[in-house]
Amino acid sequence: MGNCVFCNIVTGKEEAFRVYEDNSVVVILDKYPVSRGHLLVITRKHYESIHDASPKDVIYAFSVASALARIYRNYLNAKGVNVVTNSGSPAGQMVFHFHIHVIPRWHEGGFSWGHRYILDDKEANEVIKDIKPYLNEIKKFLLEAGFSWR
C-alpha cells in the first residue's frame, strides 16, 4: 500500500506526532484536528475501513481508543470525548485505511465537528507531554480486557 499515507506513517516513511504504539496499532495526533488532542488510532495492518477489518483488529483498536478516552476524561479533565470511525466517503472517510478518531471535548456546548485547523509543533509537543504520564493506562486496560500483550 505504497500510496496510503497511514501505511507510510506506520512504517516510518512519513512523519507524524506519535503518541503510542504497539504491535497492532499506532496512535498519532491528527494533523488537522477538530480539538486540542485529537488522536487517530491506526491499525498497523492495512484495511480500507471498519467494514473489511478483522474482528480482532477492530476490537483491539477500539479498546485502545476507549483507554485513551478514559485518559482524557479521568486524568486530563476533558468534559467529553468522541470516539468515531468513518466507513466510506459518504460517511466522511478521507483516508482509506481503518482508523478511529478520539476527540476530546474541553468545553460544554453540545456536539459539533467544529473548525479543523493545522496542528503546529508547539501544540503537538504539549499534548504529547500531557498524555505521556498516563499511557501505562492503555496496557492496564488491554490486560483487563483480556488481551495478552501484543
N, C-alpha and C. Protein backbone atom coordinates (compact mmCIF):
# COMPACT_ATOMS: atom_id res chain seq x y z
N MET A 1 0.83 -1.19 0.00
CA MET A 1 0.00 0.00 0.00
C MET A 1 0.88 1.25 0.00
N GLY A 2 1.72 1.38 -0.99
CA GLY A 2 2.69 2.45 -1.06
C GLY A 2 2.11 3.85 -1.10
N ASN A 3 0.88 4.02 -1.56
CA ASN A 3 0.30 5.36 -1.64
C ASN A 3 -0.63 5.66 -0.46
N CYS A 4 -0.69 4.80 0.53
CA CYS A 4 -1.53 5.02 1.71
C CYS A 4 -0.74 5.81 2.74
N VAL A 5 -1.19 7.01 3.06
CA VAL A 5 -0.48 7.87 3.99
C VAL A 5 -0.35 7.21 5.36
N PHE A 6 -1.37 6.48 5.82
CA PHE A 6 -1.29 5.85 7.13
C PHE A 6 -0.34 4.67 7.12
N CYS A 7 -0.30 3.91 6.03
CA CYS A 7 0.70 2.83 5.93
C CYS A 7 2.11 3.42 5.98
N ASN A 8 2.29 4.56 5.31
CA ASN A 8 3.60 5.21 5.32
C ASN A 8 3.96 5.75 6.69
N ILE A 9 2.99 6.22 7.45
CA ILE A 9 3.24 6.65 8.82
C ILE A 9 3.60 5.45 9.69
N VAL A 10 2.83 4.37 9.57
CA VAL A 10 3.07 3.17 10.36
C VAL A 10 4.49 2.64 10.13
N THR A 11 4.93 2.64 8.88
CA THR A 11 6.26 2.10 8.55
C THR A 11 7.38 3.12 8.74
N GLY A 12 7.05 4.35 9.07
CA GLY A 12 8.06 5.37 9.30
C GLY A 12 8.51 6.10 8.05
N LYS A 13 7.86 5.85 6.92
CA LYS A 13 8.21 6.55 5.69
C LYS A 13 7.73 8.00 5.69
N GLU A 14 6.70 8.27 6.48
CA GLU A 14 6.19 9.64 6.65
C GLU A 14 6.16 9.95 8.13
N GLU A 15 6.40 11.20 8.46
CA GLU A 15 6.42 11.62 9.85
C GLU A 15 5.03 11.92 10.37
N ALA A 16 4.89 11.73 11.66
CA ALA A 16 3.67 12.10 12.38
C ALA A 16 4.04 12.24 13.84
N PHE A 17 3.22 12.92 14.59
CA PHE A 17 3.42 13.01 16.03
C PHE A 17 2.84 11.76 16.67
N ARG A 18 3.72 10.83 17.01
CA ARG A 18 3.31 9.55 17.61
C ARG A 18 3.09 9.73 19.10
N VAL A 19 1.97 9.18 19.56
CA VAL A 19 1.62 9.26 20.96
C VAL A 19 1.82 7.91 21.63
N TYR A 20 1.49 6.83 20.92
CA TYR A 20 1.55 5.48 21.47
C TYR A 20 1.66 4.51 20.31
N GLU A 21 2.33 3.38 20.55
CA GLU A 21 2.32 2.31 19.54
C GLU A 21 2.64 0.99 20.19
N ASP A 22 2.13 -0.06 19.57
CA ASP A 22 2.45 -1.43 19.96
C ASP A 22 2.45 -2.26 18.68
N ASN A 23 2.38 -3.56 18.80
CA ASN A 23 2.47 -4.42 17.61
C ASN A 23 1.22 -4.38 16.73
N SER A 24 0.13 -3.79 17.21
CA SER A 24 -1.12 -3.79 16.45
C SER A 24 -1.58 -2.43 15.97
N VAL A 25 -1.27 -1.38 16.72
CA VAL A 25 -1.74 -0.04 16.37
C VAL A 25 -0.65 1.01 16.56
N VAL A 26 -0.85 2.12 15.88
CA VAL A 26 -0.06 3.33 16.09
C VAL A 26 -1.06 4.45 16.35
N VAL A 27 -0.81 5.24 17.40
CA VAL A 27 -1.67 6.36 17.73
C VAL A 27 -0.90 7.64 17.45
N ILE A 28 -1.51 8.50 16.63
CA ILE A 28 -0.88 9.77 16.28
C ILE A 28 -1.84 10.92 16.56
N LEU A 29 -1.28 12.12 16.61
CA LEU A 29 -2.11 13.31 16.65
C LEU A 29 -2.60 13.61 15.24
N ASP A 30 -3.87 13.94 15.12
CA ASP A 30 -4.43 14.30 13.82
C ASP A 30 -3.76 15.59 13.34
N LYS A 31 -3.32 15.59 12.10
CA LYS A 31 -2.65 16.75 11.51
C LYS A 31 -3.62 17.93 11.34
N TYR A 32 -4.91 17.62 11.21
CA TYR A 32 -5.95 18.64 11.06
C TYR A 32 -7.02 18.41 12.13
N PRO A 33 -6.69 18.72 13.39
CA PRO A 33 -7.59 18.37 14.49
C PRO A 33 -8.86 19.20 14.53
N VAL A 34 -9.86 18.59 15.17
CA VAL A 34 -11.12 19.27 15.47
C VAL A 34 -10.99 19.98 16.81
N SER A 35 -10.20 19.39 17.72
CA SER A 35 -9.95 20.00 19.02
C SER A 35 -8.54 19.61 19.48
N ARG A 36 -8.06 20.31 20.49
CA ARG A 36 -6.73 20.03 21.04
C ARG A 36 -6.67 18.59 21.54
N GLY A 37 -5.69 17.84 21.06
CA GLY A 37 -5.53 16.45 21.50
C GLY A 37 -6.24 15.43 20.63
N HIS A 38 -6.78 15.83 19.50
CA HIS A 38 -7.48 14.92 18.57
C HIS A 38 -6.50 13.84 18.12
N LEU A 39 -6.82 12.58 18.45
CA LEU A 39 -5.95 11.45 18.15
C LEU A 39 -6.55 10.56 17.07
N LEU A 40 -5.68 9.81 16.40
CA LEU A 40 -6.09 8.77 15.46
C LEU A 40 -5.44 7.46 15.89
N VAL A 41 -6.26 6.44 16.08
CA VAL A 41 -5.78 5.09 16.36
C VAL A 41 -5.78 4.36 15.03
N ILE A 42 -4.60 4.00 14.55
CA ILE A 42 -4.43 3.42 13.22
C ILE A 42 -3.96 1.98 13.34
N THR A 43 -4.63 1.07 12.65
CA THR A 43 -4.14 -0.32 12.66
C THR A 43 -2.86 -0.42 11.84
N ARG A 44 -1.94 -1.25 12.32
CA ARG A 44 -0.70 -1.46 11.56
C ARG A 44 -0.99 -2.18 10.24
N LYS A 45 -1.95 -3.09 10.30
CA LYS A 45 -2.34 -3.81 9.08
C LYS A 45 -3.29 -2.93 8.28
N HIS A 46 -3.10 -2.90 6.98
CA HIS A 46 -3.96 -2.07 6.13
C HIS A 46 -5.30 -2.75 5.89
N TYR A 47 -6.34 -2.03 6.23
CA TYR A 47 -7.72 -2.36 5.87
C TYR A 47 -8.31 -1.07 5.32
N GLU A 48 -9.18 -1.16 4.35
CA GLU A 48 -9.78 0.06 3.81
C GLU A 48 -10.57 0.80 4.88
N SER A 49 -11.34 0.05 5.68
CA SER A 49 -12.18 0.66 6.69
C SER A 49 -12.65 -0.41 7.66
N ILE A 50 -13.51 -0.04 8.58
CA ILE A 50 -14.03 -0.98 9.57
C ILE A 50 -14.78 -2.13 8.90
N HIS A 51 -15.35 -1.89 7.72
CA HIS A 51 -16.17 -2.91 7.08
C HIS A 51 -15.36 -4.10 6.57
N ASP A 52 -14.04 -3.96 6.42
CA ASP A 52 -13.25 -5.11 5.98
C ASP A 52 -12.12 -5.47 6.94
N ALA A 53 -12.04 -4.77 8.07
CA ALA A 53 -11.02 -5.08 9.08
C ALA A 53 -11.39 -6.37 9.82
N SER A 54 -10.38 -7.08 10.28
CA SER A 54 -10.65 -8.31 11.03
C SER A 54 -11.32 -7.95 12.35
N PRO A 55 -12.22 -8.80 12.84
CA PRO A 55 -12.88 -8.51 14.12
C PRO A 55 -11.88 -8.29 15.26
N LYS A 56 -10.82 -9.09 15.30
CA LYS A 56 -9.83 -8.93 16.37
C LYS A 56 -9.16 -7.57 16.31
N ASP A 57 -8.81 -7.10 15.11
CA ASP A 57 -8.17 -5.80 14.99
C ASP A 57 -9.14 -4.66 15.31
N VAL A 58 -10.42 -4.81 14.94
CA VAL A 58 -11.42 -3.80 15.29
C VAL A 58 -11.57 -3.71 16.81
N ILE A 59 -11.73 -4.86 17.45
CA ILE A 59 -11.90 -4.88 18.91
C ILE A 59 -10.68 -4.31 19.61
N TYR A 60 -9.49 -4.68 19.15
CA TYR A 60 -8.27 -4.18 19.76
C TYR A 60 -8.15 -2.67 19.59
N ALA A 61 -8.36 -2.18 18.37
CA ALA A 61 -8.23 -0.74 18.11
C ALA A 61 -9.25 0.06 18.92
N PHE A 62 -10.49 -0.43 19.02
CA PHE A 62 -11.48 0.27 19.82
C PHE A 62 -11.16 0.19 21.31
N SER A 63 -10.52 -0.88 21.75
CA SER A 63 -10.08 -0.96 23.14
C SER A 63 -9.03 0.09 23.44
N VAL A 64 -8.08 0.28 22.53
CA VAL A 64 -7.08 1.33 22.70
C VAL A 64 -7.77 2.70 22.70
N ALA A 65 -8.70 2.91 21.78
CA ALA A 65 -9.42 4.18 21.72
C ALA A 65 -10.19 4.42 23.02
N SER A 66 -10.81 3.39 23.56
CA SER A 66 -11.54 3.53 24.81
C SER A 66 -10.61 3.90 25.96
N ALA A 67 -9.44 3.28 26.01
CA ALA A 67 -8.46 3.61 27.05
C ALA A 67 -8.03 5.07 26.92
N LEU A 68 -7.83 5.53 25.71
CA LEU A 68 -7.44 6.93 25.51
C LEU A 68 -8.56 7.89 25.92
N ALA A 69 -9.80 7.52 25.62
CA ALA A 69 -10.94 8.34 26.06
C ALA A 69 -10.98 8.42 27.58
N ARG A 70 -10.71 7.31 28.25
CA ARG A 70 -10.67 7.31 29.72
C ARG A 70 -9.56 8.22 30.24
N ILE A 71 -8.40 8.19 29.58
CA ILE A 71 -7.31 9.07 29.99
C ILE A 71 -7.75 10.52 29.89
N TYR A 72 -8.36 10.88 28.78
CA TYR A 72 -8.81 12.27 28.61
C TYR A 72 -9.84 12.65 29.67
N ARG A 73 -10.79 11.77 29.95
CA ARG A 73 -11.85 12.11 30.92
C ARG A 73 -11.35 12.03 32.36
N ASN A 74 -10.63 10.96 32.71
CA ASN A 74 -10.27 10.72 34.11
C ASN A 74 -9.04 11.47 34.59
N TYR A 75 -8.11 11.76 33.69
CA TYR A 75 -6.84 12.36 34.11
C TYR A 75 -6.60 13.76 33.54
N LEU A 76 -7.14 14.03 32.37
CA LEU A 76 -6.85 15.31 31.73
C LEU A 76 -8.06 16.24 31.70
N ASN A 77 -9.15 15.82 32.35
CA ASN A 77 -10.33 16.66 32.59
C ASN A 77 -11.08 17.12 31.35
N ALA A 78 -11.11 16.31 30.31
CA ALA A 78 -11.97 16.61 29.17
C ALA A 78 -13.42 16.48 29.63
N LYS A 79 -14.27 17.38 29.16
CA LYS A 79 -15.70 17.35 29.52
C LYS A 79 -16.42 16.19 28.83
N GLY A 80 -15.89 15.78 27.67
CA GLY A 80 -16.46 14.68 26.90
C GLY A 80 -15.44 14.22 25.88
N VAL A 81 -15.72 13.10 25.22
CA VAL A 81 -14.83 12.56 24.19
C VAL A 81 -15.68 11.89 23.12
N ASN A 82 -15.40 12.21 21.86
CA ASN A 82 -15.98 11.48 20.74
C ASN A 82 -15.02 10.37 20.35
N VAL A 83 -15.55 9.17 20.14
CA VAL A 83 -14.79 8.04 19.62
C VAL A 83 -15.56 7.58 18.40
N VAL A 84 -14.97 7.75 17.20
CA VAL A 84 -15.72 7.52 15.97
C VAL A 84 -14.82 7.02 14.85
N THR A 85 -15.40 6.22 13.97
CA THR A 85 -14.73 5.84 12.73
C THR A 85 -15.70 6.09 11.58
N ASN A 86 -15.16 6.40 10.43
CA ASN A 86 -15.97 6.64 9.24
C ASN A 86 -15.69 5.53 8.23
N SER A 87 -16.73 5.04 7.58
CA SER A 87 -16.58 3.97 6.59
C SER A 87 -17.17 4.43 5.27
N GLY A 88 -16.30 4.76 4.33
CA GLY A 88 -16.71 5.22 3.01
C GLY A 88 -16.79 6.74 2.94
N SER A 89 -16.56 7.26 1.74
CA SER A 89 -16.56 8.71 1.57
C SER A 89 -17.90 9.36 1.92
N PRO A 90 -19.07 8.72 1.67
CA PRO A 90 -20.33 9.36 2.08
C PRO A 90 -20.43 9.54 3.60
N ALA A 91 -19.66 8.75 4.36
CA ALA A 91 -19.65 8.88 5.82
C ALA A 91 -18.57 9.84 6.31
N GLY A 92 -17.83 10.41 5.38
CA GLY A 92 -16.79 11.37 5.75
C GLY A 92 -15.38 10.80 5.78
N GLN A 93 -15.21 9.54 5.38
CA GLN A 93 -13.87 8.96 5.37
C GLN A 93 -13.03 9.64 4.29
N MET A 94 -11.84 10.09 4.69
CA MET A 94 -10.95 10.78 3.77
C MET A 94 -9.66 9.99 3.51
N VAL A 95 -9.23 9.21 4.49
CA VAL A 95 -8.07 8.35 4.32
C VAL A 95 -8.58 6.92 4.40
N PHE A 96 -8.36 6.14 3.35
CA PHE A 96 -8.96 4.82 3.25
C PHE A 96 -8.04 3.75 3.84
N HIS A 97 -7.86 3.89 5.14
CA HIS A 97 -7.13 2.94 5.99
C HIS A 97 -7.87 3.01 7.32
N PHE A 98 -8.30 1.87 7.84
CA PHE A 98 -9.10 1.84 9.07
C PHE A 98 -8.40 2.61 10.19
N HIS A 99 -9.12 3.56 10.76
CA HIS A 99 -8.62 4.33 11.89
C HIS A 99 -9.80 4.84 12.70
N ILE A 100 -9.52 5.16 13.95
CA ILE A 100 -10.54 5.63 14.88
C ILE A 100 -10.11 7.00 15.40
N HIS A 101 -11.04 7.94 15.36
CA HIS A 101 -10.80 9.27 15.92
C HIS A 101 -11.14 9.25 17.41
N VAL A 102 -10.26 9.82 18.22
CA VAL A 102 -10.52 10.06 19.64
C VAL A 102 -10.41 11.57 19.81
N ILE A 103 -11.56 12.21 20.02
CA ILE A 103 -11.62 13.67 20.00
C ILE A 103 -12.07 14.18 21.37
N PRO A 104 -11.13 14.69 22.16
CA PRO A 104 -11.53 15.24 23.46
C PRO A 104 -12.31 16.54 23.27
N ARG A 105 -13.28 16.73 24.13
CA ARG A 105 -14.10 17.95 24.12
C ARG A 105 -13.86 18.66 25.44
N TRP A 106 -13.32 19.84 25.37
CA TRP A 106 -12.86 20.57 26.55
C TRP A 106 -13.90 21.53 27.10
N HIS A 107 -14.96 21.79 26.36
CA HIS A 107 -15.95 22.77 26.78
C HIS A 107 -17.36 22.22 26.60
N GLU A 108 -18.27 22.71 27.39
CA GLU A 108 -19.68 22.40 27.21
C GLU A 108 -20.18 23.09 25.95
N GLY A 109 -21.35 22.73 25.51
CA GLY A 109 -21.92 23.45 24.38
C GLY A 109 -22.47 22.54 23.31
N GLY A 110 -22.49 21.25 23.55
CA GLY A 110 -23.06 20.35 22.57
C GLY A 110 -22.07 19.90 21.51
N PHE A 111 -22.47 18.91 20.77
CA PHE A 111 -21.61 18.31 19.76
C PHE A 111 -21.51 19.18 18.52
N SER A 112 -20.31 19.30 18.02
CA SER A 112 -20.06 19.98 16.76
C SER A 112 -18.74 19.47 16.21
N TRP A 113 -18.70 19.23 14.91
CA TRP A 113 -17.40 18.85 14.33
C TRP A 113 -16.47 20.04 14.36
N GLY A 114 -17.02 21.23 14.45
CA GLY A 114 -16.19 22.40 14.62
C GLY A 114 -15.33 22.70 13.41
N HIS A 115 -14.40 23.56 13.64
CA HIS A 115 -13.48 24.02 12.59
C HIS A 115 -12.17 23.26 12.72
N ARG A 116 -11.72 22.64 11.65
CA ARG A 116 -10.43 21.97 11.66
C ARG A 116 -9.34 23.00 11.43
N TYR A 117 -8.20 22.76 11.99
CA TYR A 117 -7.07 23.66 11.82
C TYR A 117 -5.80 22.82 11.63
N ILE A 118 -4.70 23.46 11.35
CA ILE A 118 -3.44 22.74 11.14
C ILE A 118 -2.69 22.67 12.47
N LEU A 119 -2.36 21.45 12.88
CA LEU A 119 -1.63 21.22 14.11
C LEU A 119 -0.22 21.79 13.98
N ASP A 120 0.22 22.54 14.98
CA ASP A 120 1.59 23.04 14.95
C ASP A 120 2.45 22.26 15.95
N ASP A 121 3.76 22.39 15.81
CA ASP A 121 4.71 21.65 16.65
C ASP A 121 4.53 21.94 18.13
N LYS A 122 4.28 23.20 18.47
CA LYS A 122 4.14 23.58 19.87
C LYS A 122 2.97 22.85 20.52
N GLU A 123 1.82 22.90 19.89
CA GLU A 123 0.64 22.23 20.45
C GLU A 123 0.85 20.72 20.51
N ALA A 124 1.42 20.14 19.44
CA ALA A 124 1.66 18.69 19.41
C ALA A 124 2.55 18.26 20.57
N ASN A 125 3.63 18.97 20.79
CA ASN A 125 4.55 18.62 21.87
C ASN A 125 3.91 18.79 23.24
N GLU A 126 3.06 19.80 23.40
CA GLU A 126 2.35 20.00 24.67
C GLU A 126 1.39 18.85 24.94
N VAL A 127 0.64 18.43 23.92
CA VAL A 127 -0.31 17.32 24.09
C VAL A 127 0.43 16.04 24.43
N ILE A 128 1.51 15.76 23.72
CA ILE A 128 2.29 14.55 24.00
C ILE A 128 2.81 14.58 25.43
N LYS A 129 3.30 15.72 25.88
CA LYS A 129 3.79 15.88 27.26
C LYS A 129 2.67 15.63 28.26
N ASP A 130 1.47 16.15 27.97
CA ASP A 130 0.32 16.00 28.87
C ASP A 130 -0.13 14.54 28.98
N ILE A 131 -0.17 13.83 27.88
CA ILE A 131 -0.74 12.48 27.87
C ILE A 131 0.28 11.40 28.24
N LYS A 132 1.54 11.67 28.03
CA LYS A 132 2.59 10.66 28.23
C LYS A 132 2.57 9.99 29.62
N PRO A 133 2.38 10.73 30.71
CA PRO A 133 2.40 10.08 32.03
C PRO A 133 1.30 9.03 32.23
N TYR A 134 0.29 9.03 31.38
CA TYR A 134 -0.86 8.15 31.58
C TYR A 134 -0.93 6.99 30.58
N LEU A 135 0.05 6.89 29.71
CA LEU A 135 -0.01 5.86 28.66
C LEU A 135 0.03 4.43 29.21
N ASN A 136 0.57 4.24 30.41
CA ASN A 136 0.54 2.90 31.01
C ASN A 136 -0.89 2.44 31.27
N GLU A 137 -1.83 3.38 31.31
CA GLU A 137 -3.25 3.02 31.48
C GLU A 137 -3.77 2.22 30.29
N ILE A 138 -3.18 2.42 29.12
CA ILE A 138 -3.60 1.65 27.94
C ILE A 138 -3.28 0.18 28.16
N LYS A 139 -2.07 -0.12 28.58
CA LYS A 139 -1.68 -1.51 28.83
C LYS A 139 -2.55 -2.14 29.91
N LYS A 140 -2.81 -1.40 30.98
CA LYS A 140 -3.68 -1.92 32.05
C LYS A 140 -5.07 -2.24 31.51
N PHE A 141 -5.61 -1.34 30.71
CA PHE A 141 -6.95 -1.52 30.14
C PHE A 141 -6.98 -2.75 29.23
N LEU A 142 -5.96 -2.89 28.38
CA LEU A 142 -5.91 -4.03 27.46
C LEU A 142 -5.78 -5.35 28.21
N LEU A 143 -4.98 -5.37 29.27
CA LEU A 143 -4.86 -6.59 30.07
C LEU A 143 -6.18 -6.91 30.76
N GLU A 144 -6.86 -5.89 31.27
CA GLU A 144 -8.15 -6.08 31.91
C GLU A 144 -9.18 -6.60 30.89
N ALA A 145 -9.04 -6.17 29.65
CA ALA A 145 -9.97 -6.62 28.59
C ALA A 145 -9.64 -8.03 28.09
N GLY A 146 -8.55 -8.60 28.58
CA GLY A 146 -8.22 -9.98 28.21
C GLY A 146 -7.22 -10.12 27.07
N PHE A 147 -6.63 -9.02 26.65
CA PHE A 147 -5.62 -9.11 25.60
C PHE A 147 -4.29 -9.50 26.21
N SER A 148 -3.67 -10.52 25.64
CA SER A 148 -2.28 -10.78 26.02
C SER A 148 -1.47 -9.68 25.36
N TRP A 149 -0.37 -9.32 25.95
CA TRP A 149 0.37 -8.18 25.42
C TRP A 149 0.85 -8.45 24.02
N ARG A 150 0.63 -7.49 23.12
CA ARG A 150 0.97 -7.64 21.70
C ARG A 150 2.32 -7.03 21.45
